[in-house]
C-alpha atoms as a PDB file:
ATOM      1  CA  MET A   1       0.015  -0.016   0.005  1.00  0.00           C
ATOM      2  CA  LYS A   2       2.829   2.349   0.853  1.00  0.00           C
ATOM      3  CA  LYS A   3       4.460   1.777  -2.498  1.00  0.00           C
ATOM      4  CA  ARG A   4       1.199   2.489  -4.293  1.00  0.00           C
ATOM      5  CA  VAL A   5       0.775   5.767  -2.352  1.00  0.00           C
ATOM      6  CA  GLY A   6       4.371   6.705  -3.114  1.00  0.00           C
ATOM      7  CA  LEU A   7       3.847   6.155  -6.831  1.00  0.00           C
ATOM      8  CA  ILE A   8       0.750   8.192  -6.857  1.00  0.00           C
ATOM      9  CA  LEU A   9       2.482  11.045  -5.080  1.00  0.00           C
ATOM     10  CA  LEU A  10       5.442  10.833  -7.593  1.00  0.00           C
ATOM     11  CA  LEU A  11       3.079  11.050 -10.604  1.00  0.00           C
ATOM     12  CA  PHE A  12       1.176  13.921  -9.031  1.00  0.00           C
ATOM     13  CA  SER A  13       4.436  15.849  -8.484  1.00  0.00           C
ATOM     14  CA  VAL A  14       5.426  15.359 -12.093  1.00  0.00           C
ATOM     15  CA  PHE A  15       2.202  16.962 -13.358  1.00  0.00           C
ATOM     16  CA  LEU A  16       2.712  19.837 -10.968  1.00  0.00           C
ATOM     17  CA  VAL A  17       6.119  20.687 -12.391  1.00  0.00           C
ATOM     18  CA  PRO A  18       5.669  23.575 -14.945  1.00  0.00           C
ATOM     19  CA  ALA A  19       6.701  22.927 -18.512  1.00  0.00           C
ATOM     20  CA  HIS A  20       9.866  24.587 -19.694  1.00  0.00           C
ATOM     21  CA  PRO A  21       9.311  26.019 -23.199  1.00  0.00           C
ATOM     22  CA  ASP A  22      12.179  27.267 -25.314  1.00  0.00           C
ATOM     23  CA  PRO A  23      13.929  30.161 -23.599  1.00  0.00           C
ATOM     24  CA  VAL A  24      12.648  33.532 -24.596  1.00  0.00           C
ATOM     25  CA  VAL A  25      14.817  35.453 -27.075  1.00  0.00           C
ATOM     26  CA  ALA A  26      15.105  38.621 -25.020  1.00  0.00           C
ATOM     27  CA  LYS A  27      17.247  37.121 -22.287  1.00  0.00           C
ATOM     28  CA  ASP A  28      20.966  38.064 -22.565  1.00  0.00           C
ATOM     29  CA  GLU A  29      23.821  39.177 -20.378  1.00  0.00           C
ATOM     30  CA  LYS A  30      25.854  40.936 -23.063  1.00  0.00           C
ATOM     31  CA  ASP A  31      25.754  44.696 -23.444  1.00  0.00           C
ATOM     32  CA  ARG A  32      25.595  47.137 -26.324  1.00  0.00           C
ATOM     33  CA  GLU A  33      29.444  47.424 -26.596  1.00  0.00           C
ATOM     34  CA  TYR A  34      29.760  43.675 -27.254  1.00  0.00           C
ATOM     35  CA  TYR A  35      27.314  43.729 -30.239  1.00  0.00           C
ATOM     36  CA  GLU A  36      28.380  47.188 -31.553  1.00  0.00           C
ATOM     37  CA  THR A  37      32.077  46.167 -31.628  1.00  0.00           C
ATOM     38  CA  ARG A  38      31.270  42.936 -33.502  1.00  0.00           C
ATOM     39  CA  GLY A  39      29.023  44.851 -35.974  1.00  0.00           C
ATOM     40  CA  ASP A  40      26.068  42.581 -35.077  1.00  0.00           C
ATOM     41  CA  ILE A  41      23.735  45.467 -34.126  1.00  0.00           C
ATOM     42  CA  VAL A  42      23.763  49.098 -35.169  1.00  0.00           C
ATOM     43  CA  TRP A  43      22.530  52.037 -33.179  1.00  0.00           C
ATOM     44  CA  GLU A  44      24.082  54.835 -35.237  1.00  0.00           C
ATOM     45  CA  VAL A  45      26.812  55.405 -37.795  1.00  0.00           C
ATOM     46  CA  PRO A  46      29.730  57.645 -36.789  1.00  0.00           C
ATOM     47  CA  THR A  47      30.441  59.967 -39.732  1.00  0.00           C
ATOM     48  CA  ASP A  48      31.596  63.503 -40.364  1.00  0.00           C
ATOM     49  CA  LYS A  49      28.937  63.896 -43.094  1.00  0.00           C
ATOM     50  CA  LYS A  50      25.634  65.670 -42.410  1.00  0.00           C
ATOM     51  CA  VAL A  51      23.408  62.700 -42.926  1.00  0.00           C
ATOM     52  CA  ILE A  52      20.580  61.417 -40.782  1.00  0.00           C
ATOM     53  CA  ALA A  53      18.237  58.388 -41.016  1.00  0.00           C
ATOM     54  CA  LEU A  54      14.620  58.806 -40.115  1.00  0.00           C
ATOM     55  CA  THR A  55      12.828  55.512 -39.221  1.00  0.00           C
ATOM     56  CA  PHE A  56       9.217  54.690 -38.707  1.00  0.00           C
ATOM     57  CA  ASP A  57       7.931  51.606 -36.792  1.00  0.00           C
ATOM     58  CA  ASP A  58       4.736  49.528 -36.714  1.00  0.00           C
ATOM     59  CA  GLY A  59       3.041  50.442 -39.982  1.00  0.00           C
ATOM     60  CA  PRO A  60       2.072  50.627 -42.712  1.00  0.00           C
ATOM     61  CA  ASP A  61      -1.009  52.569 -41.832  1.00  0.00           C
ATOM     62  CA  PRO A  62      -3.519  53.764 -44.513  1.00  0.00           C
ATOM     63  CA  THR A  63      -4.063  57.042 -42.775  1.00  0.00           C
ATOM     64  CA  TYR A  64      -0.762  58.262 -41.476  1.00  0.00           C
ATOM     65  CA  THR A  65       1.907  56.511 -43.605  1.00  0.00           C
ATOM     66  CA  PRO A  66       0.809  58.276 -46.801  1.00  0.00           C
ATOM     67  CA  GLN A  67       0.792  61.659 -45.005  1.00  0.00           C
ATOM     68  CA  ILE A  68       4.394  61.029 -43.829  1.00  0.00           C
ATOM     69  CA  ALA A  69       5.415  59.903 -47.217  1.00  0.00           C
ATOM     70  CA  GLU A  70       4.068  63.142 -48.751  1.00  0.00           C
ATOM     71  CA  LEU A  71       6.019  65.241 -46.266  1.00  0.00           C
ATOM     72  CA  LEU A  72       9.212  63.263 -46.976  1.00  0.00           C
ATOM     73  CA  LYS A  73       8.795  63.855 -50.664  1.00  0.00           C
ATOM     74  CA  GLN A  74       8.594  67.620 -50.123  1.00  0.00           C
ATOM     75  CA  TYR A  75      12.116  67.522 -48.609  1.00  0.00           C
ATOM     76  CA  HIS A  76      13.607  64.967 -50.949  1.00  0.00           C
ATOM     77  CA  ALA A  77      13.923  62.624 -47.957  1.00  0.00           C
ATOM     78  CA  ARG A  78      14.233  58.941 -47.960  1.00  0.00           C
ATOM     79  CA  ALA A  79      13.368  57.000 -44.872  1.00  0.00           C
ATOM     80  CA  THR A  80      13.288  53.444 -43.564  1.00  0.00           C
ATOM     81  CA  PHE A  81      10.014  51.905 -42.456  1.00  0.00           C
ATOM     82  CA  PHE A  82      10.253  48.944 -40.161  1.00  0.00           C
ATOM     83  CA  VAL A  83       6.946  47.344 -41.083  1.00  0.00           C
ATOM     84  CA  VAL A  84       4.811  44.641 -39.420  1.00  0.00           C
ATOM     85  CA  GLY A  85       4.229  41.836 -41.880  1.00  0.00           C
ATOM     86  CA  SER A  86       0.550  41.318 -41.084  1.00  0.00           C
ATOM     87  CA  ARG A  87      -0.031  44.990 -41.831  1.00  0.00           C
ATOM     88  CA  VAL A  88       1.823  44.764 -45.118  1.00  0.00           C
ATOM     89  CA  HIS A  89      -0.537  41.947 -45.952  1.00  0.00           C
ATOM     90  CA  SER A  90      -3.562  44.086 -44.982  1.00  0.00           C
ATOM     91  CA  PHE A  91      -2.363  47.227 -46.712  1.00  0.00           C
ATOM     92  CA  PRO A  92      -0.209  46.258 -49.729  1.00  0.00           C
ATOM     93  CA  GLU A  93      -0.939  49.368 -51.574  1.00  0.00           C
ATOM     94  CA  VAL A  94       0.657  51.438 -48.808  1.00  0.00           C
ATOM     95  CA  ALA A  95       3.762  49.283 -48.776  1.00  0.00           C
ATOM     96  CA  ARG A  96       4.024  49.560 -52.544  1.00  0.00           C
ATOM     97  CA  LEU A  97       3.697  53.352 -52.292  1.00  0.00           C
ATOM     98  CA  LEU A  98       6.692  53.484 -49.970  1.00  0.00           C
ATOM     99  CA  ALA A  99       8.681  51.227 -52.251  1.00  0.00           C
ATOM    100  CA  SER A 100       7.795  53.279 -55.349  1.00  0.00           C
ATOM    101  CA  GLU A 101       9.115  56.424 -53.629  1.00  0.00           C
ATOM    102  CA  GLN A 102      12.396  54.699 -52.830  1.00  0.00           C
ATOM    103  CA  HIS A 103      11.925  54.398 -49.092  1.00  0.00           C
ATOM    104  CA  GLU A 104      13.412  51.315 -47.429  1.00  0.00           C
ATOM    105  CA  LEU A 105      11.053  48.662 -46.065  1.00  0.00           C
ATOM    106  CA  ALA A 106      12.552  46.635 -43.224  1.00  0.00           C
ATOM    107  CA  ASN A 107      11.377  43.789 -41.012  1.00  0.00           C
ATOM    108  CA  HIS A 108       9.617  44.359 -37.716  1.00  0.00           C
ATOM    109  CA  THR A 109       8.134  40.845 -37.264  1.00  0.00           C
ATOM    110  CA  TYR A 110       4.700  39.666 -38.420  1.00  0.00           C
ATOM    111  CA  THR A 111       2.523  40.363 -35.401  1.00  0.00           C
ATOM    112  CA  HIS A 112       4.655  42.646 -33.183  1.00  0.00           C
ATOM    113  CA  PRO A 113       4.890  40.088 -30.358  1.00  0.00           C
ATOM    114  CA  ASP A 114       6.140  40.619 -26.826  1.00  0.00           C
ATOM    115  CA  MET A 115       9.852  39.807 -27.145  1.00  0.00           C
ATOM    116  CA  ARG A 116      10.044  38.938 -23.432  1.00  0.00           C
ATOM    117  CA  ARG A 117       7.780  35.981 -23.964  1.00  0.00           C
ATOM    118  CA  ILE A 118       8.334  34.660 -27.488  1.00  0.00           C
ATOM    119  CA  SER A 119      10.503  31.631 -28.159  1.00  0.00           C
ATOM    120  CA  PRO A 120      13.377  31.561 -30.620  1.00  0.00           C
ATOM    121  CA  GLY A 121      11.489  29.169 -32.864  1.00  0.00           C
ATOM    122  CA  LYS A 122       8.414  31.396 -32.957  1.00  0.00           C
ATOM    123  CA  LEU A 123      10.413  34.484 -33.567  1.00  0.00           C
ATOM    124  CA  ALA A 124      12.159  32.854 -36.472  1.00  0.00           C
ATOM    125  CA  GLN A 125       8.817  32.112 -38.031  1.00  0.00           C
ATOM    126  CA  GLU A 126       7.715  35.629 -37.509  1.00  0.00           C
ATOM    127  CA  VAL A 127      10.808  37.102 -39.168  1.00  0.00           C
ATOM    128  CA  GLU A 128      10.783  34.729 -42.099  1.00  0.00           C
ATOM    129  CA  LYS A 129       7.053  35.250 -42.805  1.00  0.00           C
ATOM    130  CA  THR A 130       7.608  39.003 -42.819  1.00  0.00           C
ATOM    131  CA  GLN A 131      10.561  38.666 -45.208  1.00  0.00           C
ATOM    132  CA  GLU A 132       8.367  36.665 -47.562  1.00  0.00           C
ATOM    133  CA  THR A 133       5.408  38.998 -47.324  1.00  0.00           C
ATOM    134  CA  ILE A 134       7.413  42.153 -48.005  1.00  0.00           C
ATOM    135  CA  TYR A 135       9.034  40.423 -50.972  1.00  0.00           C
ATOM    136  CA  GLU A 136       5.711  39.233 -52.340  1.00  0.00           C
ATOM    137  CA  VAL A 137       4.263  42.792 -52.133  1.00  0.00           C
ATOM    138  CA  THR A 138       7.210  44.906 -53.218  1.00  0.00           C
ATOM    139  CA  GLY A 139       9.552  42.582 -54.989  1.00  0.00           C
ATOM    140  CA  THR A 140      12.396  43.484 -52.572  1.00  0.00           C
ATOM    141  CA  LYS A 141      13.654  41.414 -49.674  1.00  0.00           C
ATOM    142  CA  PRO A 142      14.503  43.407 -46.543  1.00  0.00           C
ATOM    143  CA  LEU A 143      18.016  43.619 -45.344  1.00  0.00           C
ATOM    144  CA  LEU A 144      17.306  44.989 -41.910  1.00  0.00           C
ATOM    145  CA  PHE A 145      15.483  43.809 -38.820  1.00  0.00           C
ATOM    146  CA  ARG A 146      14.326  45.760 -35.735  1.00  0.00           C
ATOM    147  CA  PRO A 147      13.006  43.707 -32.790  1.00  0.00           C
ATOM    148  CA  PRO A 148       9.917  45.194 -31.129  1.00  0.00           C
ATOM    149  CA  GLY A 149      10.650  46.962 -27.926  1.00  0.00           C
ATOM    150  CA  GLY A 150      14.326  47.323 -28.750  1.00  0.00           C
ATOM    151  CA  TYR A 151      15.250  43.941 -27.065  1.00  0.00           C
ATOM    152  CA  TYR A 152      18.360  42.332 -28.292  1.00  0.00           C
ATOM    153  CA  SER A 153      20.311  39.168 -27.609  1.00  0.00           C
ATOM    154  CA  GLU A 154      22.600  36.585 -29.306  1.00  0.00           C
ATOM    155  CA  SER A 155      19.514  34.633 -30.281  1.00  0.00           C
ATOM    156  CA  ILE A 156      17.821  37.619 -31.952  1.00  0.00           C
ATOM    157  CA  VAL A 157      21.010  38.466 -33.861  1.00  0.00           C
ATOM    158  CA  ASN A 158      21.401  34.890 -35.161  1.00  0.00           C
ATOM    159  CA  ILE A 159      17.702  34.592 -36.138  1.00  0.00           C
ATOM    160  CA  ALA A 160      18.012  37.864 -38.093  1.00  0.00           C
ATOM    161  CA  LYS A 161      21.241  36.682 -39.789  1.00  0.00           C
ATOM    162  CA  ARG A 162      19.616  33.446 -40.912  1.00  0.00           C
ATOM    163  CA  ALA A 163      16.887  35.529 -42.501  1.00  0.00           C
ATOM    164  CA  GLY A 164      19.504  37.616 -44.280  1.00  0.00           C
ATOM    165  CA  ALA A 165      19.009  40.731 -42.142  1.00  0.00           C
ATOM    166  CA  LEU A 166      21.048  42.880 -39.859  1.00  0.00           C
ATOM    167  CA  VAL A 167      19.669  44.073 -36.502  1.00  0.00           C
ATOM    168  CA  ILE A 168      19.122  47.851 -36.392  1.00  0.00           C
ATOM    169  CA  MET A 169      18.207  49.833 -33.222  1.00  0.00           C
ATOM    170  CA  TRP A 170      18.193  53.618 -32.970  1.00  0.00           C
ATOM    171  CA  SER A 171      20.288  56.298 -31.420  1.00  0.00           C
ATOM    172  CA  TRP A 172      19.501  56.425 -27.748  1.00  0.00           C
ATOM    173  CA  HIS A 173      19.344  60.232 -27.789  1.00  0.00           C
ATOM    174  CA  GLN A 174      16.870  60.097 -30.657  1.00  0.00           C
ATOM    175  CA  ASP A 175      13.940  58.031 -29.238  1.00  0.00           C
ATOM    176  CA  THR A 176      11.113  60.453 -29.771  1.00  0.00           C
ATOM    177  CA  ARG A 177       8.563  58.328 -27.777  1.00  0.00           C
ATOM    178  CA  ASP A 178       5.960  59.675 -30.132  1.00  0.00           C
ATOM    179  CA  TRP A 179       3.876  56.532 -29.493  1.00  0.00           C
ATOM    180  CA  SER A 180       3.046  58.013 -26.049  1.00  0.00           C
ATOM    181  CA  ASP A 181       1.623  61.263 -27.553  1.00  0.00           C
ATOM    182  CA  PRO A 182       4.049  63.555 -25.576  1.00  0.00           C
ATOM    183  CA  GLY A 183       3.096  66.686 -27.494  1.00  0.00           C
ATOM    184  CA  VAL A 184       4.353  68.038 -30.860  1.00  0.00           C
ATOM    185  CA  LYS A 185       6.825  70.388 -29.244  1.00  0.00           C
ATOM    186  CA  LYS A 186       8.484  67.596 -27.176  1.00  0.00           C
ATOM    187  CA  ILE A 187       8.896  65.469 -30.307  1.00  0.00           C
ATOM    188  CA  VAL A 188      10.398  68.344 -32.182  1.00  0.00           C
ATOM    189  CA  ASN A 189      12.745  69.350 -29.479  1.00  0.00           C
ATOM    190  CA  LYS A 190      13.942  65.809 -28.922  1.00  0.00           C
ATOM    191  CA  VAL A 191      15.089  65.531 -32.519  1.00  0.00           C
ATOM    192  CA  LEU A 192      16.422  69.017 -33.095  1.00  0.00           C
ATOM    193  CA  LYS A 193      18.191  69.532 -29.838  1.00  0.00           C
ATOM    194  CA  ASN A 194      20.061  66.166 -30.153  1.00  0.00           C
ATOM    195  CA  ALA A 195      20.630  65.967 -33.974  1.00  0.00           C
ATOM    196  CA  ARG A 196      24.093  64.563 -34.818  1.00  0.00           C
ATOM    197  CA  ASN A 197      25.712  63.214 -37.939  1.00  0.00           C
ATOM    198  CA  GLY A 198      24.838  59.601 -38.520  1.00  0.00           C
ATOM    199  CA  ASP A 199      21.831  59.483 -36.165  1.00  0.00           C
ATOM    200  CA  ILE A 200      19.105  56.949 -36.539  1.00  0.00           C
ATOM    201  CA  VAL A 201      15.852  58.618 -35.344  1.00  0.00           C
ATOM    202  CA  LEU A 202      12.903  56.617 -34.052  1.00  0.00           C
ATOM    203  CA  PHE A 203       9.347  57.500 -34.951  1.00  0.00           C
ATOM    204  CA  HIS A 204       6.120  55.526 -35.400  1.00  0.00           C
ATOM    205  CA  ASP A 205       3.521  55.632 -38.234  1.00  0.00           C
ATOM    206  CA  TYR A 206       1.112  53.326 -36.467  1.00  0.00           C
ATOM    207  CA  GLY A 207       0.048  52.343 -32.966  1.00  0.00           C
ATOM    208  CA  GLY A 208      -2.676  54.903 -32.363  1.00  0.00           C
ATOM    209  CA  ASN A 209      -3.299  58.486 -33.426  1.00  0.00           C
ATOM    210  CA  ARG A 210      -0.085  59.667 -35.136  1.00  0.00           C
ATOM    211  CA  LYS A 211      -1.136  63.233 -35.776  1.00  0.00           C
ATOM    212  CA  GLN A 212       1.559  64.515 -33.416  1.00  0.00           C
ATOM    213  CA  THR A 213       4.231  62.689 -35.407  1.00  0.00           C
ATOM    214  CA  VAL A 214       2.955  64.187 -38.641  1.00  0.00           C
ATOM    215  CA  GLN A 215       2.831  67.728 -37.217  1.00  0.00           C
ATOM    216  CA  ALA A 216       6.279  67.352 -35.663  1.00  0.00           C
ATOM    217  CA  LEU A 217       7.754  66.307 -38.982  1.00  0.00           C
ATOM    218  CA  LYS A 218       6.462  69.515 -40.541  1.00  0.00           C
ATOM    219  CA  GLU A 219       8.836  71.401 -38.230  1.00  0.00           C
ATOM    220  CA  ILE A 220      11.706  68.862 -38.017  1.00  0.00           C
ATOM    221  CA  LEU A 221      12.226  68.294 -41.768  1.00  0.00           C
ATOM    222  CA  PRO A 222      12.736  71.975 -42.900  1.00  0.00           C
ATOM    223  CA  GLU A 223      14.923  72.815 -39.892  1.00  0.00           C
ATOM    224  CA  LEU A 224      17.223  69.855 -40.387  1.00  0.00           C
ATOM    225  CA  GLN A 225      17.376  70.637 -44.072  1.00  0.00           C
ATOM    226  CA  ASN A 226      18.336  74.230 -43.267  1.00  0.00           C
ATOM    227  CA  ARG A 227      21.142  72.913 -41.082  1.00  0.00           C
ATOM    228  CA  GLY A 228      22.442  71.082 -44.111  1.00  0.00           C
ATOM    229  CA  TYR A 229      21.303  67.598 -43.198  1.00  0.00           C
ATOM    230  CA  GLN A 230      20.571  64.953 -45.947  1.00  0.00           C
ATOM    231  CA  PHE A 231      17.890  62.406 -45.131  1.00  0.00           C
ATOM    232  CA  VAL A 232      18.927  58.846 -46.123  1.00  0.00           C
ATOM    233  CA  THR A 233      17.717  55.280 -45.511  1.00  0.00           C
ATOM    234  CA  VAL A 234      19.536  53.220 -42.888  1.00  0.00           C
ATOM    235  CA  SER A 235      21.179  51.062 -45.661  1.00  0.00           C
ATOM    236  CA  GLU A 236      22.382  54.135 -47.464  1.00  0.00           C
ATOM    237  CA  LEU A 237      23.695  55.538 -44.128  1.00  0.00           C
ATOM    238  CA  MET A 238      25.718  52.424 -43.585  1.00  0.00           C
ATOM    239  CA  ASN A 239      26.832  51.624 -47.086  1.00  0.00           C
ATOM    240  CA  HIS A 240      27.898  55.174 -48.102  1.00  0.00           C
ATOM    241  CA  TYR A 241      28.965  56.695 -44.775  1.00  0.00           C
ATOM    242  CA  GLY A 242      29.845  53.913 -42.450  1.00  0.00           C
ATOM    243  CA  THR A 243      32.282  50.914 -42.316  1.00  0.00           C
ATOM    244  CA  LYS A 244      29.560  48.221 -41.853  1.00  0.00           C
ATOM    245  CA  LYS A 245      28.040  47.282 -45.248  1.00  0.00           C
ATOM    246  CA  VAL A 246      24.481  46.034 -45.340  1.00  0.00           C
ATOM    247  CA  GLY A 247      24.280  42.448 -46.746  1.00  0.00           C
ATOM    248  CA  LYS A 248      27.815  41.668 -45.499  1.00  0.00           C
ATOM    249  CA  ASN A 249      26.853  40.005 -42.167  1.00  0.00           C
END
């Protein structure tokens, strides 16, 4: 009888032990210097040239993305749009508009998942599906990947590399936090007061009402142009002004 009770308790304890899924991709102990030195992740491109890369996350959006594209056109500006694959699927005409105006479309996963919870296998699927979707819609395969939330790790770097993409973040002094609707003036001041050669600036063209972003760009673009800045894509910034070449992972 004692053996039977012991066996039952053992089986019960096994079912109580939580399952251990694949480790999440965001866990890592290495810092920015490690990845930046290796050229595995880019935050900005040191250069003495007056160039700056404007980037927009989470779109495309049928309302705000075309408005942003129209403003960029007025100032002969090219930008990089880190798009969500499911939204490219839903709004292919907006993605094609960006591509036709020579903006760069880059990978920002398929569903914008929580990087603190997703497994490496699931992230790899998200990245690959987005690569395929962007290619099907625009005919161009992305060379860059930006993980949602700015999380980075060895696993994320390797998943991006296997998909043929380089991980791109943004200049820490150029996070506009426009997603939080901080006010047009705060967005404008964040960019203009901190503008440096080779910056990668973070905006969003989806994720809520992006009117503040649009209004801020109406002030940011002419002022930076007056200061002599040229607006380039991230790939152009790296290939023409940096030492790291896109596609040479």
